[in-house]
Amino acid sequence: MKFSRLNKAFEDTMAASAFAEAGEFETARQIVKGNRRLLLGLRKDRISNKTLLYALNACKRIGNGLDILYISPDGVETEELREFMERLSAEGIDFALIKRSGCLKKEIVEYVKEKKNVDFVVIESSEDLEADCREGTLREVWHGLGCPLVVVMET
């Protein structure tokens, strides 16, 4: 299995080199970068403009797409979320909305384990972040995440 991943990486590098030599720099960058994603974890009852702006700017800066993991018991999108998705479209950022219900932390950890292309996760800080799942300390719950976690604090 490791050999096949190494072989794929080598093939991608050679393909990117060929495109770069032909002057197709954007195509070369996309091949090397792959389909890397940033995961934004949101709860319906707690959406901060600062967190949304951080995720938008991070995607623009590093060229990743955005997966929005939206936790809502009823699945209904808020006006803030609809406006944010419109802005993502206007900025040309590839995004996907994934609706779930339940514990934000559990859903994020499961999503990152399932999708191997998440570079990092962005969430908003809240007082009930640690008590959200009742599974132990914040460190224990996020320990198995497998990628960096950025917690945006509202000031």
N, C-alpha and C. Protein backbone atom coordinates (compact mmCIF):
# COMPACT_ATOMS: atom_id res chain seq x y z
N MET A 1 0.83 -1.19 0.00
CA MET A 1 0.00 0.00 0.00
C MET A 1 0.88 1.26 0.00
N LYS A 2 1.93 1.28 0.81
CA LYS A 2 2.82 2.43 0.83
C LYS A 2 3.50 2.62 -0.51
N PHE A 3 3.85 1.49 -1.15
CA PHE A 3 4.50 1.57 -2.45
C PHE A 3 3.57 2.20 -3.48
N SER A 4 2.29 1.85 -3.46
CA SER A 4 1.36 2.41 -4.44
C SER A 4 1.19 3.92 -4.23
N ARG A 5 1.18 4.37 -2.98
CA ARG A 5 1.09 5.81 -2.71
C ARG A 5 2.35 6.53 -3.17
N LEU A 6 3.48 5.91 -2.95
CA LEU A 6 4.76 6.49 -3.39
C LEU A 6 4.80 6.55 -4.91
N ASN A 7 4.36 5.50 -5.57
CA ASN A 7 4.31 5.46 -7.02
C ASN A 7 3.38 6.55 -7.56
N LYS A 8 2.22 6.73 -6.93
CA LYS A 8 1.27 7.77 -7.34
C LYS A 8 1.89 9.15 -7.17
N ALA A 9 2.56 9.38 -6.06
CA ALA A 9 3.20 10.67 -5.81
C ALA A 9 4.27 10.95 -6.86
N PHE A 10 5.04 9.93 -7.22
CA PHE A 10 6.07 10.08 -8.24
C PHE A 10 5.43 10.42 -9.60
N GLU A 11 4.38 9.70 -9.95
CA GLU A 11 3.68 9.96 -11.22
C GLU A 11 3.11 11.38 -11.26
N ASP A 12 2.52 11.81 -10.14
CA ASP A 12 1.97 13.17 -10.07
C ASP A 12 3.07 14.21 -10.23
N THR A 13 4.21 13.98 -9.59
CA THR A 13 5.33 14.92 -9.69
C THR A 13 5.84 15.01 -11.12
N MET A 14 5.95 13.88 -11.79
CA MET A 14 6.42 13.89 -13.19
C MET A 14 5.40 14.58 -14.10
N ALA A 15 4.13 14.34 -13.88
CA ALA A 15 3.09 15.01 -14.69
C ALA A 15 3.12 16.52 -14.45
N ALA A 16 3.27 16.91 -13.20
CA ALA A 16 3.33 18.34 -12.88
C ALA A 16 4.55 18.98 -13.53
N SER A 17 5.67 18.27 -13.53
CA SER A 17 6.89 18.79 -14.18
C SER A 17 6.66 19.02 -15.67
N ALA A 18 5.99 18.08 -16.31
CA ALA A 18 5.72 18.21 -17.74
C ALA A 18 4.84 19.43 -18.02
N PHE A 19 3.81 19.63 -17.21
CA PHE A 19 2.93 20.79 -17.40
C PHE A 19 3.69 22.08 -17.12
N ALA A 20 4.54 22.09 -16.10
CA ALA A 20 5.30 23.30 -15.78
C ALA A 20 6.27 23.64 -16.92
N GLU A 21 6.91 22.65 -17.49
CA GLU A 21 7.82 22.88 -18.61
C GLU A 21 7.08 23.45 -19.82
N ALA A 22 5.80 23.07 -19.96
CA ALA A 22 4.99 23.56 -21.08
C ALA A 22 4.37 24.93 -20.77
N GLY A 23 4.65 25.47 -19.60
CA GLY A 23 4.12 26.79 -19.24
C GLY A 23 2.74 26.75 -18.61
N GLU A 24 2.23 25.57 -18.33
CA GLU A 24 0.92 25.41 -17.70
C GLU A 24 1.10 25.33 -16.18
N PHE A 25 1.45 26.47 -15.59
CA PHE A 25 1.82 26.50 -14.18
C PHE A 25 0.64 26.21 -13.25
N GLU A 26 -0.54 26.71 -13.59
CA GLU A 26 -1.72 26.48 -12.75
C GLU A 26 -2.08 24.99 -12.73
N THR A 27 -2.03 24.35 -13.88
CA THR A 27 -2.31 22.92 -13.95
C THR A 27 -1.28 22.14 -13.14
N ALA A 28 -0.02 22.52 -13.25
CA ALA A 28 1.04 21.85 -12.49
C ALA A 28 0.80 22.01 -10.99
N ARG A 29 0.42 23.19 -10.59
CA ARG A 29 0.15 23.44 -9.16
C ARG A 29 -1.01 22.58 -8.66
N GLN A 30 -2.05 22.47 -9.46
CA GLN A 30 -3.21 21.67 -9.06
C GLN A 30 -2.85 20.19 -8.94
N ILE A 31 -2.02 19.71 -9.84
CA ILE A 31 -1.61 18.30 -9.78
C ILE A 31 -0.81 18.04 -8.51
N VAL A 32 0.14 18.92 -8.21
CA VAL A 32 0.97 18.74 -7.03
C VAL A 32 0.14 18.90 -5.75
N LYS A 33 -0.72 19.89 -5.75
CA LYS A 33 -1.53 20.18 -4.57
C LYS A 33 -2.56 19.09 -4.33
N GLY A 34 -3.12 18.54 -5.40
CA GLY A 34 -4.18 17.55 -5.25
C GLY A 34 -5.47 18.22 -4.84
N ASN A 35 -6.38 17.45 -4.35
CA ASN A 35 -7.68 17.98 -3.93
C ASN A 35 -7.67 18.22 -2.42
N ARG A 36 -6.80 19.09 -1.95
CA ARG A 36 -6.66 19.36 -0.53
C ARG A 36 -7.80 20.26 -0.06
N ARG A 37 -8.26 20.03 1.16
CA ARG A 37 -9.41 20.73 1.70
C ARG A 37 -9.12 21.30 3.07
N LEU A 38 -9.84 22.35 3.38
CA LEU A 38 -9.89 22.90 4.73
C LEU A 38 -11.28 22.52 5.23
N LEU A 39 -11.39 22.08 6.47
CA LEU A 39 -12.68 21.72 7.04
C LEU A 39 -13.11 22.79 8.03
N LEU A 40 -14.27 23.37 7.81
CA LEU A 40 -14.85 24.37 8.72
C LEU A 40 -15.99 23.72 9.47
N GLY A 41 -15.84 23.61 10.78
CA GLY A 41 -16.89 23.03 11.62
C GLY A 41 -17.77 24.13 12.19
N LEU A 42 -19.06 24.06 11.90
CA LEU A 42 -20.01 25.07 12.37
C LEU A 42 -21.20 24.42 13.06
N ARG A 43 -21.70 25.10 14.07
CA ARG A 43 -22.97 24.71 14.69
C ARG A 43 -23.99 25.79 14.39
N LYS A 44 -25.20 25.38 14.11
CA LYS A 44 -26.25 26.32 13.73
C LYS A 44 -26.41 27.45 14.75
N ASP A 45 -26.32 27.12 16.01
CA ASP A 45 -26.55 28.11 17.06
C ASP A 45 -25.33 28.99 17.33
N ARG A 46 -24.22 28.74 16.62
CA ARG A 46 -23.02 29.50 16.90
C ARG A 46 -22.20 29.67 15.63
N ILE A 47 -22.51 30.74 14.89
CA ILE A 47 -21.76 31.04 13.67
C ILE A 47 -21.20 32.45 13.82
N SER A 48 -19.89 32.54 13.81
CA SER A 48 -19.20 33.81 13.99
C SER A 48 -18.66 34.32 12.65
N ASN A 49 -18.88 35.58 12.36
CA ASN A 49 -18.34 36.17 11.14
C ASN A 49 -16.82 36.10 11.12
N LYS A 50 -16.20 36.22 12.27
CA LYS A 50 -14.74 36.15 12.36
C LYS A 50 -14.24 34.77 11.93
N THR A 51 -14.92 33.72 12.35
CA THR A 51 -14.55 32.37 11.97
C THR A 51 -14.75 32.14 10.48
N LEU A 52 -15.87 32.62 9.95
CA LEU A 52 -16.14 32.50 8.52
C LEU A 52 -15.08 33.22 7.70
N LEU A 53 -14.73 34.42 8.12
CA LEU A 53 -13.72 35.20 7.40
C LEU A 53 -12.35 34.53 7.46
N TYR A 54 -12.02 33.94 8.61
CA TYR A 54 -10.75 33.23 8.73
C TYR A 54 -10.69 32.08 7.73
N ALA A 55 -11.75 31.30 7.65
CA ALA A 55 -11.78 30.16 6.72
C ALA A 55 -11.70 30.63 5.27
N LEU A 56 -12.42 31.67 4.94
CA LEU A 56 -12.39 32.22 3.57
C LEU A 56 -10.99 32.67 3.20
N ASN A 57 -10.36 33.44 4.06
CA ASN A 57 -9.01 33.96 3.78
C ASN A 57 -7.98 32.84 3.73
N ALA A 58 -8.12 31.83 4.58
CA ALA A 58 -7.18 30.71 4.55
C ALA A 58 -7.29 29.96 3.23
N CYS A 59 -8.49 29.75 2.75
CA CYS A 59 -8.68 29.06 1.47
C CYS A 59 -8.08 29.87 0.32
N LYS A 60 -8.27 31.16 0.35
CA LYS A 60 -7.71 32.02 -0.70
C LYS A 60 -6.19 32.00 -0.66
N ARG A 61 -5.64 32.04 0.54
CA ARG A 61 -4.20 32.12 0.72
C ARG A 61 -3.48 30.83 0.29
N ILE A 62 -4.03 29.69 0.65
CA ILE A 62 -3.34 28.43 0.37
C ILE A 62 -3.91 27.68 -0.83
N GLY A 63 -5.03 28.16 -1.36
CA GLY A 63 -5.59 27.55 -2.57
C GLY A 63 -6.37 26.27 -2.34
N ASN A 64 -6.80 26.02 -1.12
CA ASN A 64 -7.59 24.83 -0.83
C ASN A 64 -9.07 25.07 -1.09
N GLY A 65 -9.78 23.97 -1.28
CA GLY A 65 -11.23 24.02 -1.27
C GLY A 65 -11.70 23.99 0.18
N LEU A 66 -13.00 24.17 0.37
CA LEU A 66 -13.55 24.24 1.73
C LEU A 66 -14.70 23.26 1.88
N ASP A 67 -14.62 22.43 2.89
CA ASP A 67 -15.73 21.57 3.29
C ASP A 67 -16.32 22.20 4.54
N ILE A 68 -17.62 22.47 4.50
CA ILE A 68 -18.31 23.06 5.65
C ILE A 68 -19.12 21.97 6.31
N LEU A 69 -18.70 21.57 7.51
CA LEU A 69 -19.43 20.58 8.28
C LEU A 69 -20.39 21.34 9.18
N TYR A 70 -21.67 21.27 8.83
CA TYR A 70 -22.69 22.09 9.47
C TYR A 70 -23.56 21.21 10.37
N ILE A 71 -23.47 21.47 11.67
CA ILE A 71 -24.22 20.70 12.65
C ILE A 71 -25.51 21.45 12.98
N SER A 72 -26.63 20.81 12.62
CA SER A 72 -27.94 21.43 12.84
C SER A 72 -28.97 20.34 13.06
N PRO A 73 -29.71 20.40 14.15
CA PRO A 73 -30.72 19.36 14.39
C PRO A 73 -31.79 19.29 13.29
N ASP A 74 -32.14 20.43 12.73
CA ASP A 74 -33.19 20.45 11.70
C ASP A 74 -32.64 20.53 10.28
N GLY A 75 -31.34 20.74 10.13
CA GLY A 75 -30.74 20.80 8.81
C GLY A 75 -30.98 22.08 8.03
N VAL A 76 -31.65 23.04 8.65
CA VAL A 76 -31.97 24.29 7.98
C VAL A 76 -30.77 25.24 8.04
N GLU A 77 -30.42 25.79 6.90
CA GLU A 77 -29.28 26.72 6.83
C GLU A 77 -29.70 28.10 7.33
N THR A 78 -28.80 28.73 8.07
CA THR A 78 -29.06 30.08 8.54
C THR A 78 -28.77 31.08 7.42
N GLU A 79 -29.26 32.28 7.60
CA GLU A 79 -29.01 33.35 6.61
C GLU A 79 -27.51 33.64 6.51
N GLU A 80 -26.81 33.64 7.66
CA GLU A 80 -25.36 33.88 7.65
C GLU A 80 -24.64 32.83 6.80
N LEU A 81 -25.05 31.58 6.94
CA LEU A 81 -24.42 30.51 6.18
C LEU A 81 -24.71 30.66 4.69
N ARG A 82 -25.94 30.98 4.32
CA ARG A 82 -26.27 31.17 2.90
C ARG A 82 -25.47 32.32 2.30
N GLU A 83 -25.34 33.42 3.03
CA GLU A 83 -24.55 34.57 2.55
C GLU A 83 -23.08 34.20 2.41
N PHE A 84 -22.56 33.40 3.36
CA PHE A 84 -21.17 32.96 3.30
C PHE A 84 -20.93 32.10 2.06
N MET A 85 -21.84 31.19 1.78
CA MET A 85 -21.69 30.33 0.60
C MET A 85 -21.77 31.14 -0.69
N GLU A 86 -22.59 32.16 -0.70
CA GLU A 86 -22.64 33.04 -1.87
C GLU A 86 -21.30 33.75 -2.05
N ARG A 87 -20.71 34.18 -0.97
CA ARG A 87 -19.41 34.85 -1.04
C ARG A 87 -18.31 33.89 -1.51
N LEU A 88 -18.36 32.65 -1.03
CA LEU A 88 -17.40 31.66 -1.49
C LEU A 88 -17.51 31.47 -3.01
N SER A 89 -18.73 31.39 -3.50
CA SER A 89 -18.94 31.25 -4.94
C SER A 89 -18.39 32.45 -5.69
N ALA A 90 -18.67 33.65 -5.17
CA ALA A 90 -18.20 34.87 -5.81
C ALA A 90 -16.67 34.94 -5.84
N GLU A 91 -16.03 34.39 -4.82
CA GLU A 91 -14.56 34.40 -4.72
C GLU A 91 -13.93 33.26 -5.53
N GLY A 92 -14.77 32.36 -6.06
CA GLY A 92 -14.26 31.24 -6.86
C GLY A 92 -13.68 30.12 -6.03
N ILE A 93 -14.12 30.00 -4.79
CA ILE A 93 -13.63 28.94 -3.90
C ILE A 93 -14.55 27.73 -4.00
N ASP A 94 -13.95 26.58 -4.30
CA ASP A 94 -14.70 25.33 -4.37
C ASP A 94 -15.10 24.96 -2.94
N PHE A 95 -16.39 24.70 -2.73
CA PHE A 95 -16.84 24.33 -1.38
C PHE A 95 -17.93 23.27 -1.45
N ALA A 96 -18.10 22.59 -0.33
CA ALA A 96 -19.17 21.61 -0.18
C ALA A 96 -19.77 21.79 1.20
N LEU A 97 -21.09 21.69 1.27
CA LEU A 97 -21.80 21.77 2.55
C LEU A 97 -22.19 20.36 2.96
N ILE A 98 -21.74 19.96 4.13
CA ILE A 98 -22.05 18.64 4.67
C ILE A 98 -22.88 18.86 5.92
N LYS A 99 -24.14 18.43 5.88
CA LYS A 99 -25.04 18.62 7.01
C LYS A 99 -25.06 17.37 7.87
N ARG A 100 -24.91 17.59 9.17
CA ARG A 100 -24.95 16.49 10.13
C ARG A 100 -25.68 16.98 11.38
N SER A 101 -26.02 16.06 12.24
CA SER A 101 -26.58 16.42 13.54
C SER A 101 -25.76 15.69 14.59
N GLY A 102 -25.82 16.15 15.80
CA GLY A 102 -25.07 15.50 16.86
C GLY A 102 -23.93 16.35 17.37
N CYS A 103 -22.90 15.69 17.83
CA CYS A 103 -21.76 16.34 18.47
C CYS A 103 -20.77 16.83 17.41
N LEU A 104 -20.44 18.09 17.46
CA LEU A 104 -19.52 18.70 16.49
C LEU A 104 -18.17 17.98 16.50
N LYS A 105 -17.62 17.74 17.67
CA LYS A 105 -16.30 17.11 17.76
C LYS A 105 -16.31 15.70 17.16
N LYS A 106 -17.30 14.91 17.51
CA LYS A 106 -17.38 13.54 16.98
C LYS A 106 -17.49 13.57 15.45
N GLU A 107 -18.32 14.44 14.94
CA GLU A 107 -18.53 14.51 13.50
C GLU A 107 -17.25 14.96 12.78
N ILE A 108 -16.53 15.91 13.37
CA ILE A 108 -15.28 16.37 12.75
C ILE A 108 -14.25 15.25 12.73
N VAL A 109 -14.06 14.57 13.85
CA VAL A 109 -13.08 13.49 13.92
C VAL A 109 -13.43 12.38 12.93
N GLU A 110 -14.69 12.01 12.85
CA GLU A 110 -15.11 10.97 11.90
C GLU A 110 -14.89 11.42 10.46
N TYR A 111 -15.20 12.67 10.16
CA TYR A 111 -15.05 13.19 8.80
C TYR A 111 -13.58 13.19 8.36
N VAL A 112 -12.70 13.63 9.26
CA VAL A 112 -11.27 13.69 8.93
C VAL A 112 -10.72 12.28 8.75
N LYS A 113 -11.19 11.33 9.54
CA LYS A 113 -10.73 9.94 9.38
C LYS A 113 -11.21 9.37 8.04
N GLU A 114 -12.41 9.73 7.65
CA GLU A 114 -12.98 9.23 6.39
C GLU A 114 -12.32 9.88 5.18
N LYS A 115 -12.13 11.19 5.24
CA LYS A 115 -11.54 11.93 4.14
C LYS A 115 -10.08 12.19 4.48
N LYS A 116 -9.19 11.72 3.69
CA LYS A 116 -7.75 11.84 3.99
C LYS A 116 -7.14 13.11 3.41
N ASN A 117 -7.95 13.99 2.82
CA ASN A 117 -7.40 15.17 2.14
C ASN A 117 -7.62 16.47 2.91
N VAL A 118 -7.91 16.40 4.20
CA VAL A 118 -8.13 17.59 5.02
C VAL A 118 -6.80 18.06 5.58
N ASP A 119 -6.39 19.29 5.22
CA ASP A 119 -5.13 19.85 5.72
C ASP A 119 -5.25 20.33 7.15
N PHE A 120 -6.35 21.01 7.47
CA PHE A 120 -6.59 21.42 8.85
C PHE A 120 -8.05 21.77 9.05
N VAL A 121 -8.44 21.86 10.32
CA VAL A 121 -9.82 22.11 10.72
C VAL A 121 -9.90 23.47 11.39
N VAL A 122 -10.96 24.22 11.09
CA VAL A 122 -11.22 25.51 11.72
C VAL A 122 -12.55 25.43 12.44
N ILE A 123 -12.54 25.80 13.72
CA ILE A 123 -13.77 25.88 14.50
C ILE A 123 -13.75 27.16 15.32
N GLU A 124 -14.91 27.52 15.83
CA GLU A 124 -15.01 28.68 16.70
C GLU A 124 -14.87 28.24 18.14
N SER A 125 -14.18 29.03 18.92
CA SER A 125 -14.05 28.75 20.34
C SER A 125 -15.39 29.05 21.03
N SER A 126 -15.72 28.22 22.01
CA SER A 126 -16.91 28.48 22.81
C SER A 126 -16.71 27.91 24.20
N GLU A 127 -17.48 28.42 25.13
CA GLU A 127 -17.36 27.96 26.51
C GLU A 127 -17.72 26.49 26.65
N ASP A 128 -18.67 26.03 25.82
CA ASP A 128 -19.10 24.65 25.96
C ASP A 128 -18.37 23.70 25.02
N LEU A 129 -17.27 24.14 24.45
CA LEU A 129 -16.51 23.30 23.53
C LEU A 129 -16.01 22.04 24.22
N GLU A 130 -15.53 22.17 25.44
CA GLU A 130 -15.00 21.01 26.14
C GLU A 130 -16.10 20.10 26.65
N ALA A 131 -17.24 20.66 27.01
CA ALA A 131 -18.32 19.85 27.57
C ALA A 131 -19.25 19.30 26.50
N ASP A 132 -18.98 19.59 25.25
CA ASP A 132 -19.87 19.26 24.15
C ASP A 132 -20.23 17.78 24.07
N CYS A 133 -19.28 16.90 24.22
CA CYS A 133 -19.52 15.47 24.02
C CYS A 133 -19.46 14.64 25.29
N ARG A 134 -18.96 15.19 26.34
CA ARG A 134 -18.84 14.48 27.60
C ARG A 134 -18.00 13.21 27.46
N GLU A 135 -16.93 13.27 26.69
CA GLU A 135 -16.08 12.10 26.47
C GLU A 135 -14.70 12.25 27.08
N GLY A 136 -14.51 13.17 27.92
CA GLY A 136 -13.19 13.38 28.50
C GLY A 136 -12.76 14.81 28.27
N THR A 137 -11.49 15.04 28.45
CA THR A 137 -10.98 16.39 28.30
C THR A 137 -10.90 16.77 26.83
N LEU A 138 -10.78 18.05 26.58
CA LEU A 138 -10.67 18.56 25.21
C LEU A 138 -9.49 17.92 24.51
N ARG A 139 -8.39 17.79 25.19
CA ARG A 139 -7.18 17.18 24.62
C ARG A 139 -7.44 15.73 24.20
N GLU A 140 -8.13 14.96 25.04
CA GLU A 140 -8.42 13.56 24.73
C GLU A 140 -9.33 13.43 23.52
N VAL A 141 -10.34 14.26 23.43
CA VAL A 141 -11.30 14.17 22.34
C VAL A 141 -10.66 14.53 21.00
N TRP A 142 -9.85 15.58 20.98
CA TRP A 142 -9.24 16.02 19.72
C TRP A 142 -7.97 15.27 19.40
N HIS A 143 -7.47 14.44 20.31
CA HIS A 143 -6.19 13.76 20.12
C HIS A 143 -6.12 12.95 18.83
N GLY A 144 -7.16 12.27 18.46
CA GLY A 144 -7.14 11.42 17.28
C GLY A 144 -7.49 12.13 15.99
N LEU A 145 -7.47 13.43 15.97
CA LEU A 145 -7.92 14.17 14.80
C LEU A 145 -7.04 13.91 13.58
N GLY A 146 -5.75 13.90 13.73
CA GLY A 146 -4.87 13.58 12.62
C GLY A 146 -4.49 14.77 11.75
N CYS A 147 -4.87 15.96 12.11
CA CYS A 147 -4.47 17.16 11.39
C CYS A 147 -4.57 18.35 12.36
N PRO A 148 -3.96 19.48 12.01
CA PRO A 148 -4.02 20.64 12.90
C PRO A 148 -5.45 21.15 13.10
N LEU A 149 -5.70 21.67 14.28
CA LEU A 149 -6.98 22.28 14.65
C LEU A 149 -6.75 23.75 14.94
N VAL A 150 -7.47 24.62 14.24
CA VAL A 150 -7.40 26.06 14.48
C VAL A 150 -8.69 26.48 15.19
N VAL A 151 -8.54 27.05 16.37
CA VAL A 151 -9.70 27.52 17.13
C VAL A 151 -9.70 29.04 17.07
N VAL A 152 -10.72 29.60 16.45
CA VAL A 152 -10.85 31.05 16.28
C VAL A 152 -11.63 31.59 17.46
N MET A 153 -11.03 32.57 18.14
CA MET A 153 -11.69 33.16 19.30
C MET A 153 -12.32 34.50 18.93
N GLU A 154 -13.54 34.67 19.37
CA GLU A 154 -14.25 35.95 19.17
C GLU A 154 -13.79 36.89 20.27
N THR A 155 -13.34 38.08 19.88
CA THR A 155 -12.86 39.02 20.90
C THR A 155 -13.77 40.20 21.01
